[in-house]
Protein backbone atom coordinates (compact mmCIF):
# COMPACT_ATOMS: atom_id res chain seq x y z
CA MET A 1 -0.02 0.06 -0.02
CA SER A 2 1.48 3.30 -1.01
CA LYS A 3 1.62 6.34 1.21
CA GLN A 4 1.00 9.90 0.09
CA ARG A 5 1.40 13.21 1.84
CA ALA A 6 -0.83 16.40 1.80
CA ILE A 7 -0.37 19.88 3.18
CA LEU A 8 -3.81 21.33 4.17
CA VAL A 9 -4.54 24.99 5.08
CA THR A 10 -7.68 25.21 7.07
CA SER A 11 -9.82 27.78 8.88
CA LEU A 12 -12.93 27.42 11.05
CA GLU A 13 -14.98 29.30 8.58
CA GLU A 14 -14.10 27.17 5.46
CA GLN A 15 -13.23 23.75 6.87
CA GLY A 16 -15.07 23.63 10.26
CA GLU A 17 -14.70 20.09 11.77
CA GLN A 18 -11.39 19.41 9.93
CA HIS A 19 -10.03 22.61 11.21
CA ARG A 20 -11.20 21.88 14.82
CA TYR A 21 -9.56 18.45 14.54
CA PHE A 22 -6.12 19.96 13.63
CA ILE A 23 -6.38 22.57 16.31
CA ASN A 24 -7.29 20.12 18.96
CA TRP A 25 -4.67 17.56 17.86
CA MET A 26 -2.00 20.38 18.27
CA ALA A 27 -3.42 21.68 21.48
CA ASP A 28 -3.44 18.12 23.02
CA ARG A 29 0.37 17.89 22.40
CA LEU A 30 1.19 21.38 23.64
CA ALA A 31 -1.20 21.91 26.62
CA LEU A 32 -2.26 25.32 25.14
CA ASP A 33 -5.46 25.87 27.09
CA GLY A 34 -6.33 29.54 26.55
CA VAL A 35 -3.49 30.34 24.24
CA PHE A 36 -5.70 30.95 21.28
CA LYS A 37 -9.33 30.50 20.08
CA VAL A 38 -10.00 28.11 17.36
CA GLU A 39 -11.97 30.74 15.37
CA ASP A 40 -8.94 33.16 15.37
CA ALA A 41 -6.33 30.41 14.05
CA ILE A 42 -5.35 29.16 10.66
CA ALA A 43 -3.95 25.64 10.70
CA ILE A 44 -1.51 24.17 8.33
CA ALA A 45 -1.32 20.54 8.70
CA HIS A 46 0.94 18.00 7.17
CA VAL A 47 -0.76 14.56 6.70
CA GLU A 48 0.13 11.27 5.42
CA TYR A 49 -2.49 8.96 4.05
CA ASP A 50 -2.64 5.57 2.37
CA ASP A 51 -4.61 4.35 -0.63
CA ASP A 52 -7.72 3.64 1.67
CA LEU A 53 -7.44 7.28 2.82
CA ASN A 54 -6.47 6.36 6.38
CA ALA A 55 -4.79 9.54 7.54
CA GLU A 56 -2.04 10.22 10.04
CA VAL A 57 -1.27 13.78 11.18
CA LEU A 58 2.54 14.47 11.08
CA GLY A 59 2.53 18.01 12.27
CA VAL A 60 0.44 21.20 12.58
CA VAL A 61 1.28 24.79 12.62
CA ALA A 62 -1.44 27.06 13.99
CA ILE A 63 -1.18 30.76 13.28
CA ASN A 64 -3.03 33.27 15.29
CA ASN A 65 -2.40 36.66 17.23
CA TRP A 66 -3.08 38.58 14.11
CA SER A 67 -1.96 42.23 13.88
CA PRO A 68 -1.75 44.51 10.81
CA ALA A 69 1.98 43.46 10.28
CA ALA A 70 2.60 40.25 12.12
CA CYS A 71 1.24 36.92 13.47
CA GLU A 72 2.37 34.28 15.77
CA GLY A 73 2.97 30.42 15.21
CA HIS A 74 2.54 27.51 17.37
CA ILE A 75 4.07 24.13 16.20
CA ALA A 76 3.15 20.51 17.25
CA SER A 77 4.48 17.24 15.67
CA ASP A 78 3.98 13.53 15.96
CA GLY A 79 7.23 13.32 17.74
CA THR A 80 9.19 12.50 14.58
CA ALA A 81 11.00 14.69 12.22
CA ARG A 82 8.80 13.38 9.13
CA TRP A 83 6.60 16.61 9.21
CA MET A 84 9.31 19.13 8.59
CA THR A 85 9.93 19.07 4.88
CA ARG A 86 11.13 21.93 2.66
CA GLN A 87 7.71 21.86 1.03
CA PHE A 88 5.94 22.18 4.35
CA ALA A 89 8.25 25.14 5.50
CA TRP A 90 7.66 26.94 2.19
CA THR A 91 3.80 26.46 2.48
CA VAL A 92 3.74 27.94 5.93
CA TYR A 93 6.06 31.00 5.17
CA ASN A 94 4.33 31.54 1.76
CA PHE A 95 0.88 31.66 3.47
CA VAL A 96 2.10 34.13 6.23
CA PHE A 97 4.15 36.48 4.06
CA ASN A 98 2.37 36.28 0.67
CA HIS A 99 -1.17 35.18 1.34
CA ALA A 100 -1.82 36.85 4.55
CA GLY A 101 0.51 39.78 3.75
CA LYS A 102 2.43 39.92 7.01
CA SER A 103 5.94 41.27 7.31
CA ARG A 104 6.84 39.31 10.46
CA PHE A 105 6.17 35.93 11.91
CA ASN A 106 6.88 35.24 15.66
CA PHE A 107 7.11 32.06 17.72
CA CYS A 108 7.55 31.47 21.47
CA VAL A 109 9.66 28.50 22.38
CA GLY A 110 10.20 26.97 25.81
CA VAL A 111 13.88 27.53 26.78
CA ASP A 112 14.22 23.85 27.71
CA ASN A 113 12.84 22.71 24.32
CA GLU A 114 16.20 22.13 22.77
CA SER A 115 15.01 20.52 19.57
CA ALA A 116 12.55 23.36 18.79
CA VAL A 117 15.28 25.95 19.57
CA ARG A 118 17.52 24.14 17.08
CA MET A 119 14.80 23.99 14.45
CA HIS A 120 13.95 27.72 14.72
CA GLU A 121 17.57 28.68 14.44
CA LYS A 122 18.22 26.35 11.49
CA LEU A 123 15.20 28.00 9.77
CA GLY A 124 16.87 31.28 10.17
CA HIS A 125 14.56 32.73 12.86
CA GLU A 126 16.17 35.39 15.06
CA ARG A 127 16.17 35.02 18.90
CA MET A 128 14.66 38.39 19.99
CA CYS A 129 14.54 37.88 23.78
CA ARG A 130 13.92 35.67 26.83
CA LEU A 131 10.40 36.07 28.27
CA ALA A 132 10.59 35.33 31.98
CA ASP A 133 7.65 33.09 33.23
CA ALA A 134 6.06 33.05 29.77
CA TYR A 135 4.66 29.51 30.34
CA GLY A 136 3.99 30.01 34.12
CA GLU A 137 6.24 30.79 37.06
CA GLY A 138 9.74 29.52 36.43
CA ASN A 139 9.02 28.46 32.80
CA ASP A 140 10.62 30.91 30.50
CA ALA A 141 10.47 31.02 26.66
CA TYR A 142 12.52 32.60 23.86
CA LEU A 143 10.76 34.82 21.49
CA TYR A 144 11.84 34.13 17.86
CA GLY A 145 10.95 36.15 14.78
CA LEU A 146 11.39 36.05 11.05
CA THR A 147 10.80 38.91 8.71
CA LYS A 148 9.60 38.62 5.15
CA LYS A 149 13.06 40.00 4.03
CA GLN A 150 14.88 37.35 6.11
CA TRP A 151 12.72 34.67 4.55
CA LEU A 152 13.32 35.88 1.02
CA ALA A 153 17.03 35.81 1.69
CA GLY A 154 17.00 32.32 3.17
CA LYS A 155 16.88 28.85 1.77
CA PHE A 156 13.16 28.24 2.25
CA ALA A 157 11.85 31.08 -0.03
CA GLU A 158 13.04 29.52 -3.25
CA SER A 159 10.24 27.24 -3.98
CA LYS A 160 8.15 24.51 -2.56
CA GLU A 161 9.80 21.91 -4.96
CA ALA A 162 13.33 22.88 -4.15
């Protein structure tokens, strides 16, 4: 049985239950109670499925906290590295910078989450500051950001096929 992959962009208004499923899948892995509302977020999901359409979610990026120039991303994965492909990264950044028209994309990352810190830095995100108690008392986070100019100068702006 062959396996295929799909990248889906969902919103509550357009995909309803599918959107709720991806947001809840992500929230269950990150304990994000109260971080964002389902109706405010866009979800970009990387899914693997077989010939019978049995699907497995590999990763989800939820985007929210919209301002005129920026937005914030939250990432959850299935615990493997299968979700992070060049095509998935391109899709997320292209959505934020070209479709949504934002000039800045921000992420908060727990300071103890070494794999996430490495990933953000490998993707060219700039560590802006350390936020004391961002995830509760004694649980600090780093604020990372990426501008559209930085994205266009980086390796993930070229094309989704590269």
